[in-house]
């Protein structure tokens, strides 16, 4: 597909955006019909008046897949660490590479 900047292509993009917004709204209505209050900014808490306790003491590096990625970084197996990151998070190569390199900077200081 060739992208141009003429008015007709902008109108087409606006129409596609409007169609996507309508589709998202329809999906939200269907989701709410299946389970009222599920998702969305206006939903009530699924926990009712009892809120789950969130601990600030959790070390994010201790949550999978980070321990494995840190071990791979320390073993100089960065390519494998990137593959693990991509498989776990379902992201592209660049995002995984950037994340693993940031982790490497933090681990190696």
PDB file of N, CA and C in Angstrom:
ATOM      1  N   UNK A   1       0.844  -1.162   0.000  1.00  0.00           N
ATOM      2  CA  UNK A   1       0.000   0.000   0.000  1.00  0.00           C
ATOM      3  C   UNK A   1       0.891   1.227   0.000  1.00  0.00           C
ATOM      4  N   UNK A   2       0.570   2.206  -0.820  1.00  0.00           N
ATOM      5  CA  UNK A   2       1.325   3.445  -0.907  1.00  0.00           C
ATOM      6  C   UNK A   2       0.618   4.501  -0.088  1.00  0.00           C
ATOM      7  N   UNK A   3       1.362   5.131   0.815  1.00  0.00           N
ATOM      8  CA  UNK A   3       0.780   6.174   1.661  1.00  0.00           C
ATOM      9  C   UNK A   3       1.036   7.516   1.013  1.00  0.00           C
ATOM     10  N   UNK A   4       0.003   8.294   0.862  1.00  0.00           N
ATOM     11  CA  UNK A   4       0.127   9.639   0.316  1.00  0.00           C
ATOM     12  C   UNK A   4      -0.429  10.628   1.319  1.00  0.00           C
ATOM     13  N   UNK A   5      -0.171  11.893   1.084  1.00  0.00           N
ATOM     14  CA  UNK A   5      -0.635  12.903   2.028  1.00  0.00           C
ATOM     15  C   UNK A   5      -1.768  13.740   1.459  1.00  0.00           C
ATOM     16  N   UNK A   6      -2.436  13.278   0.401  1.00  0.00           N
ATOM     17  CA  UNK A   6      -3.531  14.073  -0.141  1.00  0.00           C
ATOM     18  C   UNK A   6      -4.773  13.956   0.730  1.00  0.00           C
ATOM     19  N   UNK A   7      -5.733  14.825   0.492  1.00  0.00           N
ATOM     20  CA  UNK A   7      -6.933  14.905   1.329  1.00  0.00           C
ATOM     21  C   UNK A   7      -7.750  13.630   1.306  1.00  0.00           C
ATOM     22  N   UNK A   8      -7.773  12.932   0.161  1.00  0.00           N
ATOM     23  CA  UNK A   8      -8.577  11.708   0.093  1.00  0.00           C
ATOM     24  C   UNK A   8      -8.023  10.619   0.996  1.00  0.00           C
ATOM     25  N   UNK A   9      -6.693  10.541   1.112  1.00  0.00           N
ATOM     26  CA  UNK A   9      -6.127   9.514   1.993  1.00  0.00           C
ATOM     27  C   UNK A   9      -6.363   9.865   3.456  1.00  0.00           C
ATOM     28  N   UNK A  10      -6.357  11.158   3.793  1.00  0.00           N
ATOM     29  CA  UNK A  10      -6.649  11.565   5.171  1.00  0.00           C
ATOM     30  C   UNK A  10      -8.092  11.228   5.513  1.00  0.00           C
ATOM     31  N   UNK A  11      -8.979  11.451   4.582  1.00  0.00           N
ATOM     32  CA  UNK A  11     -10.383  11.110   4.802  1.00  0.00           C
ATOM     33  C   UNK A  11     -10.563   9.618   4.976  1.00  0.00           C
ATOM     34  N   UNK A  12      -9.810   8.836   4.201  1.00  0.00           N
ATOM     35  CA  UNK A  12      -9.869   7.388   4.334  1.00  0.00           C
ATOM     36  C   UNK A  12      -9.340   6.924   5.671  1.00  0.00           C
ATOM     37  N   UNK A  13      -8.269   7.562   6.140  1.00  0.00           N
ATOM     38  CA  UNK A  13      -7.704   7.213   7.443  1.00  0.00           C
ATOM     39  C   UNK A  13      -8.690   7.555   8.557  1.00  0.00           C
ATOM     40  N   UNK A  14      -9.326   8.713   8.430  1.00  0.00           N
ATOM     41  CA  UNK A  14     -10.306   9.112   9.443  1.00  0.00           C
ATOM     42  C   UNK A  14     -11.480   8.139   9.469  1.00  0.00           C
ATOM     43  N   UNK A  15     -11.888   7.668   8.299  1.00  0.00           N
ATOM     44  CA  UNK A  15     -12.985   6.703   8.235  1.00  0.00           C
ATOM     45  C   UNK A  15     -12.568   5.379   8.871  1.00  0.00           C
ATOM     46  N   UNK A  16     -11.329   4.948   8.637  1.00  0.00           N
ATOM     47  CA  UNK A  16     -10.840   3.697   9.237  1.00  0.00           C
ATOM     48  C   UNK A  16     -10.749   3.831  10.750  1.00  0.00           C
ATOM     49  N   UNK A  17     -10.297   5.000  11.219  1.00  0.00           N
ATOM     50  CA  UNK A  17     -10.209   5.236  12.666  1.00  0.00           C
ATOM     51  C   UNK A  17     -11.602   5.202  13.286  1.00  0.00           C
ATOM     52  N   UNK A  18     -12.561   5.841  12.635  1.00  0.00           N
ATOM     53  CA  UNK A  18     -13.932   5.839  13.149  1.00  0.00           C
ATOM     54  C   UNK A  18     -14.493   4.421  13.188  1.00  0.00           C
ATOM     55  N   UNK A  19     -14.198   3.634  12.147  1.00  0.00           N
ATOM     56  CA  UNK A  19     -14.677   2.249  12.121  1.00  0.00           C
ATOM     57  C   UNK A  19     -14.037   1.430  13.234  1.00  0.00           C
ATOM     58  N   UNK A  20     -12.741   1.646  13.489  1.00  0.00           N
ATOM     59  CA  UNK A  20     -12.060   0.929  14.566  1.00  0.00           C
ATOM     60  C   UNK A  20     -12.604   1.333  15.936  1.00  0.00           C
ATOM     61  N   UNK A  21     -12.875   2.614  16.117  1.00  0.00           N
ATOM     62  CA  UNK A  21     -13.447   3.075  17.383  1.00  0.00           C
ATOM     63  C   UNK A  21     -14.820   2.458  17.612  1.00  0.00           C
ATOM     64  N   UNK A  22     -15.615   2.359  16.547  1.00  0.00           N
ATOM     65  CA  UNK A  22     -16.939   1.736  16.662  1.00  0.00           C
ATOM     66  C   UNK A  22     -16.804   0.258  17.000  1.00  0.00           C
ATOM     67  N   UNK A  23     -15.824  -0.407  16.395  1.00  0.00           N
ATOM     68  CA  UNK A  23     -15.613  -1.830  16.670  1.00  0.00           C
ATOM     69  C   UNK A  23     -15.192  -2.044  18.121  1.00  0.00           C
ATOM     70  N   UNK A  24     -14.314  -1.179  18.640  1.00  0.00           N
ATOM     71  CA  UNK A  24     -13.877  -1.288  20.035  1.00  0.00           C
ATOM     72  C   UNK A  24     -15.063  -1.073  20.979  1.00  0.00           C
ATOM     73  N   UNK A  25     -15.889  -0.076  20.676  1.00  0.00           N
ATOM     74  CA  UNK A  25     -17.067   0.179  21.509  1.00  0.00           C
ATOM     75  C   UNK A  25     -18.013  -1.013  21.489  1.00  0.00           C
ATOM     76  N   UNK A  26     -18.184  -1.633  20.316  1.00  0.00           N
ATOM     77  CA  UNK A  26     -19.045  -2.818  20.205  1.00  0.00           C
ATOM     78  C   UNK A  26     -18.471  -3.975  21.027  1.00  0.00           C
ATOM     79  N   UNK A  27     -17.168  -4.177  20.956  1.00  0.00           N
ATOM     80  CA  UNK A  27     -16.537  -5.244  21.742  1.00  0.00           C
ATOM     81  C   UNK A  27     -16.690  -4.993  23.237  1.00  0.00           C
ATOM     82  N   UNK A  28     -16.563  -3.719  23.658  1.00  0.00           N
ATOM     83  CA  UNK A  28     -16.738  -3.397  25.070  1.00  0.00           C
ATOM     84  C   UNK A  28     -18.166  -3.696  25.517  1.00  0.00           C
ATOM     85  N   UNK A  29     -19.155  -3.347  24.677  1.00  0.00           N
ATOM     86  CA  UNK A  29     -20.554  -3.649  25.014  1.00  0.00           C
ATOM     87  C   UNK A  29     -20.757  -5.155  25.130  1.00  0.00           C
ATOM     88  N   UNK A  30     -20.168  -5.918  24.229  1.00  0.00           N
ATOM     89  CA  UNK A  30     -20.310  -7.378  24.283  1.00  0.00           C
ATOM     90  C   UNK A  30     -19.653  -7.942  25.529  1.00  0.00           C
ATOM     91  N   UNK A  31     -18.485  -7.424  25.868  1.00  0.00           N
ATOM     92  CA  UNK A  31     -17.775  -7.881  27.061  1.00  0.00           C
ATOM     93  C   UNK A  31     -18.575  -7.573  28.316  1.00  0.00           C
ATOM     94  N   UNK A  32     -19.136  -6.365  28.386  1.00  0.00           N
ATOM     95  CA  UNK A  32     -19.959  -5.991  29.534  1.00  0.00           C
ATOM     96  C   UNK A  32     -21.211  -6.845  29.626  1.00  0.00           C
ATOM     97  N   UNK A  33     -21.746  -7.271  28.470  1.00  0.00           N
ATOM     98  CA  UNK A  33     -22.932  -8.134  28.480  1.00  0.00           C
ATOM     99  C   UNK A  33     -22.589  -9.516  29.040  1.00  0.00           C
ATOM    100  N   UNK A  34     -21.385  -9.996  28.757  1.00  0.00           N
ATOM    101  CA  UNK A  34     -20.962 -11.296  29.277  1.00  0.00           C
ATOM    102  C   UNK A  34     -20.678 -11.226  30.769  1.00  0.00           C
ATOM    103  N   UNK A  35     -19.992 -10.157  31.193  1.00  0.00           N
ATOM    104  CA  UNK A  35     -19.622 -10.000  32.596  1.00  0.00           C
ATOM    105  C   UNK A  35     -19.681  -8.517  32.938  1.00  0.00           C
ATOM    106  N   UNK A  36     -20.789  -8.064  33.479  1.00  0.00           N
ATOM    107  CA  UNK A  36     -20.934  -6.640  33.791  1.00  0.00           C
ATOM    108  C   UNK A  36     -19.793  -6.138  34.662  1.00  0.00           C
ATOM    109  N   UNK A  37     -19.339  -4.938  34.348  1.00  0.00           N
ATOM    110  CA  UNK A  37     -18.262  -4.331  35.128  1.00  0.00           C
ATOM    111  C   UNK A  37     -16.887  -4.805  34.756  1.00  0.00           C
ATOM    112  N   UNK A  38     -16.758  -5.535  33.668  1.00  0.00           N
ATOM    113  CA  UNK A  38     -15.459  -6.078  33.272  1.00  0.00           C
ATOM    114  C   UNK A  38     -14.756  -5.090  32.351  1.00  0.00           C
ATOM    115  N   UNK A  39     -13.651  -4.543  32.807  1.00  0.00           N
ATOM    116  CA  UNK A  39     -12.858  -3.645  31.981  1.00  0.00           C
ATOM    117  C   UNK A  39     -13.448  -2.266  31.888  1.00  0.00           C
ATOM    118  N   UNK A  40     -12.693  -1.375  31.259  1.00  0.00           N
ATOM    119  CA  UNK A  40     -13.164  -0.018  31.049  1.00  0.00           C
ATOM    120  C   UNK A  40     -12.945   0.857  32.266  1.00  0.00           C
ATOM    121  N   UNK A  41     -12.895   2.151  32.032  1.00  0.00           N
ATOM    122  CA  UNK A  41     -12.614   3.094  33.110  1.00  0.00           C
ATOM    123  C   UNK A  41     -13.798   3.267  34.048  1.00  0.00           C
ATOM    124  N   UNK A  42     -15.000   2.944  33.590  1.00  0.00           N
ATOM    125  CA  UNK A  42     -16.182   3.160  34.418  1.00  0.00           C
ATOM    126  C   UNK A  42     -16.572   1.920  35.198  1.00  0.00           C
ATOM    127  N   UNK A  43     -15.820   0.858  35.077  1.00  0.00           N
ATOM    128  CA  UNK A  43     -16.209  -0.378  35.752  1.00  0.00           C
ATOM    129  C   UNK A  43     -15.911  -0.298  37.243  1.00  0.00           C
ATOM    130  N   UNK A  44     -16.695  -1.044  38.004  1.00  0.00           N
ATOM    131  CA  UNK A  44     -16.433  -1.119  39.432  1.00  0.00           C
ATOM    132  C   UNK A  44     -15.379  -2.189  39.672  1.00  0.00           C
ATOM    133  N   UNK A  45     -14.827  -2.206  40.859  1.00  0.00           N
ATOM    134  CA  UNK A  45     -13.788  -3.172  41.172  1.00  0.00           C
ATOM    135  C   UNK A  45     -14.367  -4.579  41.199  1.00  0.00           C
ATOM    136  N   UNK A  46     -13.683  -5.547  40.576  1.00  0.00           N
ATOM    137  CA  UNK A  46     -14.158  -6.925  40.621  1.00  0.00           C
ATOM    138  C   UNK A  46     -14.054  -7.522  42.020  1.00  0.00           C
ATOM    139  N   UNK A  47     -13.353  -6.809  42.932  1.00  0.00           N
ATOM    140  CA  UNK A  47     -13.178  -7.297  44.284  1.00  0.00           C
ATOM    141  C   UNK A  47     -14.218  -6.729  45.239  1.00  0.00           C
ATOM    142  N   UNK A  48     -15.145  -5.903  44.712  1.00  0.00           N
ATOM    143  CA  UNK A  48     -16.141  -5.286  45.575  1.00  0.00           C
ATOM    144  C   UNK A  48     -15.487  -4.268  46.483  1.00  0.00           C
ATOM    145  N   UNK A  49     -15.879  -4.260  47.747  1.00  0.00           N
ATOM    146  CA  UNK A  49     -15.314  -3.284  48.678  1.00  0.00           C
ATOM    147  C   UNK A  49     -13.962  -3.729  49.220  1.00  0.00           C
ATOM    148  N   UNK A  50     -13.603  -4.995  49.007  1.00  0.00           N
ATOM    149  CA  UNK A  50     -12.320  -5.512  49.478  1.00  0.00           C
ATOM    150  C   UNK A  50     -11.309  -5.395  48.344  1.00  0.00           C
ATOM    151  N   UNK A  51     -10.248  -4.653  48.571  1.00  0.00           N
ATOM    152  CA  UNK A  51      -9.219  -4.465  47.559  1.00  0.00           C
ATOM    153  C   UNK A  51      -8.057  -5.415  47.831  1.00  0.00           C
ATOM    154  N   UNK A  52      -7.453  -5.958  46.781  1.00  0.00           N
ATOM    155  CA  UNK A  52      -6.298  -6.831  46.996  1.00  0.00           C
ATOM    156  C   UNK A  52      -5.133  -6.024  47.554  1.00  0.00           C
ATOM    157  N   UNK A  53      -4.343  -6.649  48.387  1.00  0.00           N
ATOM    158  CA  UNK A  53      -3.197  -5.967  48.969  1.00  0.00           C
ATOM    159  C   UNK A  53      -2.036  -6.032  47.988  1.00  0.00           C
ATOM    160  N   UNK A  54      -1.458  -4.890  47.712  1.00  0.00           N
ATOM    161  CA  UNK A  54      -0.321  -4.815  46.801  1.00  0.00           C
ATOM    162  C   UNK A  54       0.891  -4.452  47.633  1.00  0.00           C
ATOM    163  N   UNK A  55       1.901  -5.254  47.519  1.00  0.00           N
ATOM    164  CA  UNK A  55       3.102  -5.027  48.303  1.00  0.00           C
ATOM    165  C   UNK A  55       4.138  -4.289  47.472  1.00  0.00           C
ATOM    166  N   UNK A  56       4.687  -3.224  48.045  1.00  0.00           N
ATOM    167  CA  UNK A  56       5.761  -2.492  47.386  1.00  0.00           C
ATOM    168  C   UNK A  56       7.090  -3.214  47.549  1.00  0.00           C
ATOM    169  N   UNK A  57       7.110  -4.251  48.377  1.00  0.00           N
ATOM    170  CA  UNK A  57       8.348  -4.955  48.669  1.00  0.00           C
ATOM    171  C   UNK A  57       8.714  -5.986  47.596  1.00  0.00           C
ATOM    172  N   UNK A  58       7.841  -6.190  46.607  1.00  0.00           N
ATOM    173  CA  UNK A  58       8.126  -7.185  45.571  1.00  0.00           C
ATOM    174  C   UNK A  58       9.232  -6.656  44.669  1.00  0.00           C
ATOM    175  N   UNK A  59      10.265  -7.427  44.525  1.00  0.00           N
ATOM    176  CA  UNK A  59      11.378  -7.077  43.651  1.00  0.00           C
ATOM    177  C   UNK A  59      11.017  -7.468  42.228  1.00  0.00           C
ATOM    178  N   UNK A  60      10.879  -6.503  41.308  1.00  0.00           N
ATOM    179  CA  UNK A  60      10.478  -6.854  39.950  1.00  0.00           C
ATOM    180  C   UNK A  60      11.460  -7.783  39.255  1.00  0.00           C
ATOM    181  N   UNK A  61      12.718  -7.783  39.699  1.00  0.00           N
ATOM    182  CA  UNK A  61      13.712  -8.661  39.088  1.00  0.00           C
ATOM    183  C   UNK A  61      13.515 -10.117  39.504  1.00  0.00           C
ATOM    184  N   UNK A  62      12.674 -10.354  40.520  1.00  0.00           N
ATOM    185  CA  UNK A  62      12.453 -11.720  40.978  1.00  0.00           C
ATOM    186  C   UNK A  62      11.266 -12.373  40.281  1.00  0.00           C
ATOM    187  N   UNK A  63      10.549 -11.602  39.459  1.00  0.00           N
ATOM    188  CA  UNK A  63       9.364 -12.107  38.779  1.00  0.00           C
ATOM    189  C   UNK A  63       9.769 -12.596  37.391  1.00  0.00           C
ATOM    190  N   UNK A  64       9.305 -13.802  37.003  1.00  0.00           N
ATOM    191  CA  UNK A  64       9.665 -14.320  35.682  1.00  0.00           C
ATOM    192  C   UNK A  64       9.292 -13.336  34.586  1.00  0.00           C
ATOM    193  N   UNK A  65      10.054 -13.267  33.549  1.00  0.00           N
ATOM    194  CA  UNK A  65      11.215 -14.069  33.165  1.00  0.00           C
ATOM    195  C   UNK A  65      12.541 -13.460  33.578  1.00  0.00           C
ATOM    196  N   UNK A  66      12.527 -12.428  34.429  1.00  0.00           N
ATOM    197  CA  UNK A  66      13.747 -11.689  34.725  1.00  0.00           C
ATOM    198  C   UNK A  66      14.873 -12.508  35.345  1.00  0.00           C
ATOM    199  N   UNK A  67      14.611 -13.407  36.298  1.00  0.00           N
ATOM    200  CA  UNK A  67      15.755 -14.172  36.837  1.00  0.00           C
ATOM    201  C   UNK A  67      16.506 -14.927  35.741  1.00  0.00           C
ATOM    202  N   UNK A  68      15.756 -15.524  34.819  1.00  0.00           N
ATOM    203  CA  UNK A  68      16.399 -16.258  33.722  1.00  0.00           C
ATOM    204  C   UNK A  68      17.151 -15.300  32.800  1.00  0.00           C
ATOM    205  N   UNK A  69      16.564 -14.155  32.511  1.00  0.00           N
ATOM    206  CA  UNK A  69      17.215 -13.185  31.634  1.00  0.00           C
ATOM    207  C   UNK A  69      18.498 -12.656  32.282  1.00  0.00           C
ATOM    208  N   UNK A  70      18.454 -12.376  33.571  1.00  0.00           N
ATOM    209  CA  UNK A  70      19.647 -11.905  34.271  1.00  0.00           C
ATOM    210  C   UNK A  70      20.744 -12.962  34.233  1.00  0.00           C
ATOM    211  N   UNK A  71      20.375 -14.217  34.450  1.00  0.00           N
ATOM    212  CA  UNK A  71      21.363 -15.296  34.383  1.00  0.00           C
ATOM    213  C   UNK A  71      21.979 -15.380  32.993  1.00  0.00           C
ATOM    214  N   UNK A  72      21.150 -15.245  31.962  1.00  0.00           N
ATOM    215  CA  UNK A  72      21.660 -15.298  30.590  1.00  0.00           C
ATOM    216  C   UNK A  72      22.575 -14.116  30.297  1.00  0.00           C
ATOM    217  N   UNK A  73      22.229 -12.941  30.791  1.00  0.00           N
ATOM    218  CA  UNK A  73      23.076 -11.760  30.598  1.00  0.00           C
ATOM    219  C   UNK A  73      24.438 -11.980  31.256  1.00  0.00           C
ATOM    220  N   UNK A  74      24.417 -12.470  32.491  1.00  0.00           N
ATOM    221  CA  UNK A  74      25.670 -12.699  33.206  1.00  0.00           C
ATOM    222  C   UNK A  74      26.514 -13.791  32.566  1.00  0.00           C
ATOM    223  N   UNK A  75      25.873 -14.696  31.828  1.00  0.00           N
ATOM    224  CA  UNK A  75      26.594 -15.765  31.127  1.00  0.00           C
ATOM    225  C   UNK A  75      26.970 -15.342  29.703  1.00  0.00           C
ATOM    226  N   UNK A  76      26.827 -14.038  29.406  1.00  0.00           N
ATOM    227  CA  UNK A  76      27.130 -13.498  28.076  1.00  0.00           C
ATOM    228  C   UNK A  76      26.337 -14.189  26.966  1.00  0.00           C
ATOM    229  N   UNK A  77      25.059 -14.461  27.244  1.00  0.00           N
ATOM    230  CA  UNK A  77      24.173 -15.092  26.255  1.00  0.00           C
ATOM    231  C   UNK A  77      22.999 -14.143  25.967  1.00  0.00           C
ATOM    232  N   UNK A  78      23.359 -12.927  25.535  1.00  0.00           N
ATOM    233  CA  UNK A  78      22.358 -11.882  25.337  1.00  0.00           C
ATOM    234  C   UNK A  78      21.352 -12.248  24.248  1.00  0.00           C
ATOM    235  N   UNK A  79      21.769 -12.905  23.199  1.00  0.00           N
ATOM    236  CA  UNK A  79      20.839 -13.279  22.123  1.00  0.00           C
ATOM    237  C   UNK A  79      19.766 -14.220  22.651  1.00  0.00           C
ATOM    238  N   UNK A  80      20.159 -15.174  23.474  1.00  0.00           N
ATOM    239  CA  UNK A  80      19.182 -16.085  24.067  1.00  0.00           C
ATOM    240  C   UNK A  80      18.257 -15.316  25.019  1.00  0.00           C
ATOM    241  N   UNK A  81      18.813 -14.360  25.754  1.00  0.00           N
ATOM    242  CA  UNK A  81      17.999 -13.542  26.659  1.00  0.00           C
ATOM    243  C   UNK A  81      16.949 -12.763  25.872  1.00  0.00           C
ATOM    244  N   UNK A  82      17.333 -12.247  24.713  1.00  0.00           N
ATOM    245  CA  UNK A  82      16.381 -11.528  23.857  1.00  0.00           C
ATOM    246  C   UNK A  82      15.289 -12.475  23.376  1.00  0.00           C
ATOM    247  N   UNK A  83      15.657 -13.695  23.007  1.00  0.00           N
ATOM    248  CA  UNK A  83      14.656 -14.680  22.578  1.00  0.00           C
ATOM    249  C   UNK A  83      13.681 -15.014  23.703  1.00  0.00           C
ATOM    250  N   UNK A  84      14.189 -15.157  24.915  1.00  0.00           N
ATOM    251  CA  UNK A  84      13.333 -15.442  26.071  1.00  0.00           C
ATOM    252  C   UNK A  84      12.372 -14.277  26.302  1.00  0.00           C
ATOM    253  N   UNK A  85      12.885 -13.059  26.233  1.00  0.00           N
ATOM    254  CA  UNK A  85      12.049 -11.872  26.428  1.00  0.00           C
ATOM    255  C   UNK A  85      10.948 -11.823  25.373  1.00  0.00           C
ATOM    256  N   UNK A  86      11.311 -12.036  24.125  1.00  0.00           N
ATOM    257  CA  UNK A  86      10.318 -12.001  23.036  1.00  0.00           C
ATOM    258  C   UNK A  86       9.256 -13.072  23.230  1.00  0.00           C
ATOM    259  N   UNK A  87       9.675 -14.264  23.603  1.00  0.00           N
ATOM    260  CA  UNK A  87       8.717 -15.361  23.790  1.00  0.00           C
ATOM    261  C   UNK A  87       7.777 -15.070  24.956  1.00  0.00           C
ATOM    262  N   UNK A  88       8.300 -14.484  26.009  1.00  0.00           N
ATOM    263  CA  UNK A  88       7.476 -14.230  27.195  1.00  0.00           C
ATOM    264  C   UNK A  88       6.500 -13.077  26.982  1.00  0.00           C
ATOM    265  N   UNK A  89       6.971 -11.985  26.372  1.00  0.00           N
ATOM    266  CA  UNK A  89       6.156 -10.790  26.243  1.00  0.00           C
ATOM    267  C   UNK A  89       5.493 -10.623  24.875  1.00  0.00           C
ATOM    268  N   UNK A  90       5.893 -11.424  23.890  1.00  0.00           N
ATOM    269  CA  UNK A  90       5.284 -11.344  22.567  1.00  0.00           C
ATOM    270  C   UNK A  90       5.555 -10.030  21.863  1.00  0.00           C
ATOM    271  N   UNK A  91       6.768  -9.530  21.974  1.00  0.00           N
ATOM    272  CA  UNK A  91       7.122  -8.248  21.360  1.00  0.00           C
ATOM    273  C   UNK A  91       8.087  -8.473  20.205  1.00  0.00           C
ATOM    274  N   UNK A  92       8.363  -7.411  19.489  1.00  0.00           N
ATOM    275  CA  UNK A  92       9.281  -7.475  18.366  1.00  0.00           C
ATOM    276  C   UNK A  92      10.732  -7.503  18.813  1.00  0.00           C
ATOM    277  N   UNK A  93      11.593  -7.710  17.843  1.00  0.00           N
ATOM    278  CA  UNK A  93      13.020  -7.843  18.110  1.00  0.00           C
ATOM    279  C   UNK A  93      13.615  -6.568  18.710  1.00  0.00           C
ATOM    280  N   UNK A  94      13.281  -5.411  18.156  1.00  0.00           N
ATOM    281  CA  UNK A  94      13.858  -4.154  18.651  1.00  0.00           C
ATOM    282  C   UNK A  94      13.457  -3.882  20.097  1.00  0.00           C
ATOM    283  N   UNK A  95      12.179  -4.068  20.401  1.00  0.00           N
ATOM    284  CA  UNK A  95      11.727  -3.818  21.774  1.00  0.00           C
ATOM    285  C   UNK A  95      12.399  -4.786  22.748  1.00  0.00           C
ATOM    286  N   UNK A  96      12.515  -6.044  22.354  1.00  0.00           N
ATOM    287  CA  UNK A  96      13.159  -7.032  23.222  1.00  0.00           C
ATOM    288  C   UNK A  96      14.633  -6.713  23.400  1.00  0.00           C
ATOM    289  N   UNK A  97      15.305  -6.342  22.317  1.00  0.00           N
ATOM    290  CA  UNK A  97      16.730  -6.000  22.387  1.00  0.00           C
ATOM    291  C   UNK A  97      16.939  -4.801  23.297  1.00  0.00           C
ATOM    292  N   UNK A  98      16.106  -3.767  23.142  1.00  0.00           N
ATOM    293  CA  UNK A  98      16.229  -2.577  23.985  1.00  0.00           C
ATOM    294  C   UNK A  98      16.014  -2.917  25.461  1.00  0.00           C
ATOM    295  N   UNK A  99      15.017  -3.757  25.743  1.00  0.00           N
ATOM    296  CA  UNK A  99      14.722  -4.128  27.135  1.00  0.00           C
ATOM    297  C   UNK A  99      15.863  -4.934  27.744  1.00  0.00           C
ATOM    298  N   UNK A 100      16.401  -5.876  26.991  1.00  0.00           N
ATOM    299  CA  UNK A 100      17.496  -6.706  27.508  1.00  0.00           C
ATOM    300  C   UNK A 100      18.754  -5.863  27.677  1.00  0.00           C
ATOM    301  N   UNK A 101      19.008  -4.939  26.768  1.00  0.00           N
ATOM    302  CA  UNK A 101      20.183  -4.084  26.916  1.00  0.00           C
ATOM    303  C   UNK A 101      20.042  -3.150  28.117  1.00  0.00           C
ATOM    304  N   UNK A 102      18.825  -2.668  28.377  1.00  0.00           N
ATOM    305  CA  UNK A 102      18.595  -1.856  29.579  1.00  0.00           C
ATOM    306  C   UNK A 102      18.818  -2.704  30.835  1.00  0.00           C
ATOM    307  N   UNK A 103      18.329  -3.934  30.807  1.00  0.00           N
ATOM    308  CA  UNK A 103      18.551  -4.837  31.940  1.00  0.00           C
ATOM    309  C   UNK A 103      20.040  -5.095  32.125  1.00  0.00           C
ATOM    310  N   UNK A 104      20.753  -5.253  31.019  1.00  0.00           N
ATOM    311  CA  UNK A 104      22.190  -5.490  31.099  1.00  0.00           C
ATOM    312  C   UNK A 104      22.904  -4.286  31.724  1.00  0.00           C
ATOM    313  N   UNK A 105      22.510  -3.079  31.346  1.00  0.00           N
ATOM    314  CA  UNK A 105      23.109  -1.875  31.944  1.00  0.00           C
ATOM    315  C   UNK A 105      22.864  -1.846  33.446  1.00  0.00           C
ATOM    316  N   UNK A 106      21.683  -2.224  33.871  1.00  0.00           N
ATOM    317  CA  UNK A 106      21.364  -2.210  35.296  1.00  0.00           C
ATOM    318  C   UNK A 106      22.100  -3.311  36.055  1.00  0.00           C
ATOM    319  N   UNK A 107      22.195  -4.491  35.430  1.00  0.00           N
ATOM    320  CA  UNK A 107      22.835  -5.632  36.094  1.00  0.00           C
ATOM    321  C   UNK A 107      24.346  -5.422  36.207  1.00  0.00           C
ATOM    322  N   UNK A 108      24.939  -4.967  35.126  1.00  0.00           N
ATOM    323  CA  UNK A 108      26.396  -4.823  35.099  1.00  0.00           C
ATOM    324  C   UNK A 108      26.859  -3.489  35.699  1.00  0.00           C
ATOM    325  N   UNK A 109      25.910  -2.572  35.866  1.00  0.00           N
ATOM    326  CA  UNK A 109      26.233  -1.291  36.508  1.00  0.00           C
ATOM    327  C   UNK A 109      27.049  -0.457  35.640  1.00  0.00           C
TER     328      UNK A 109
END
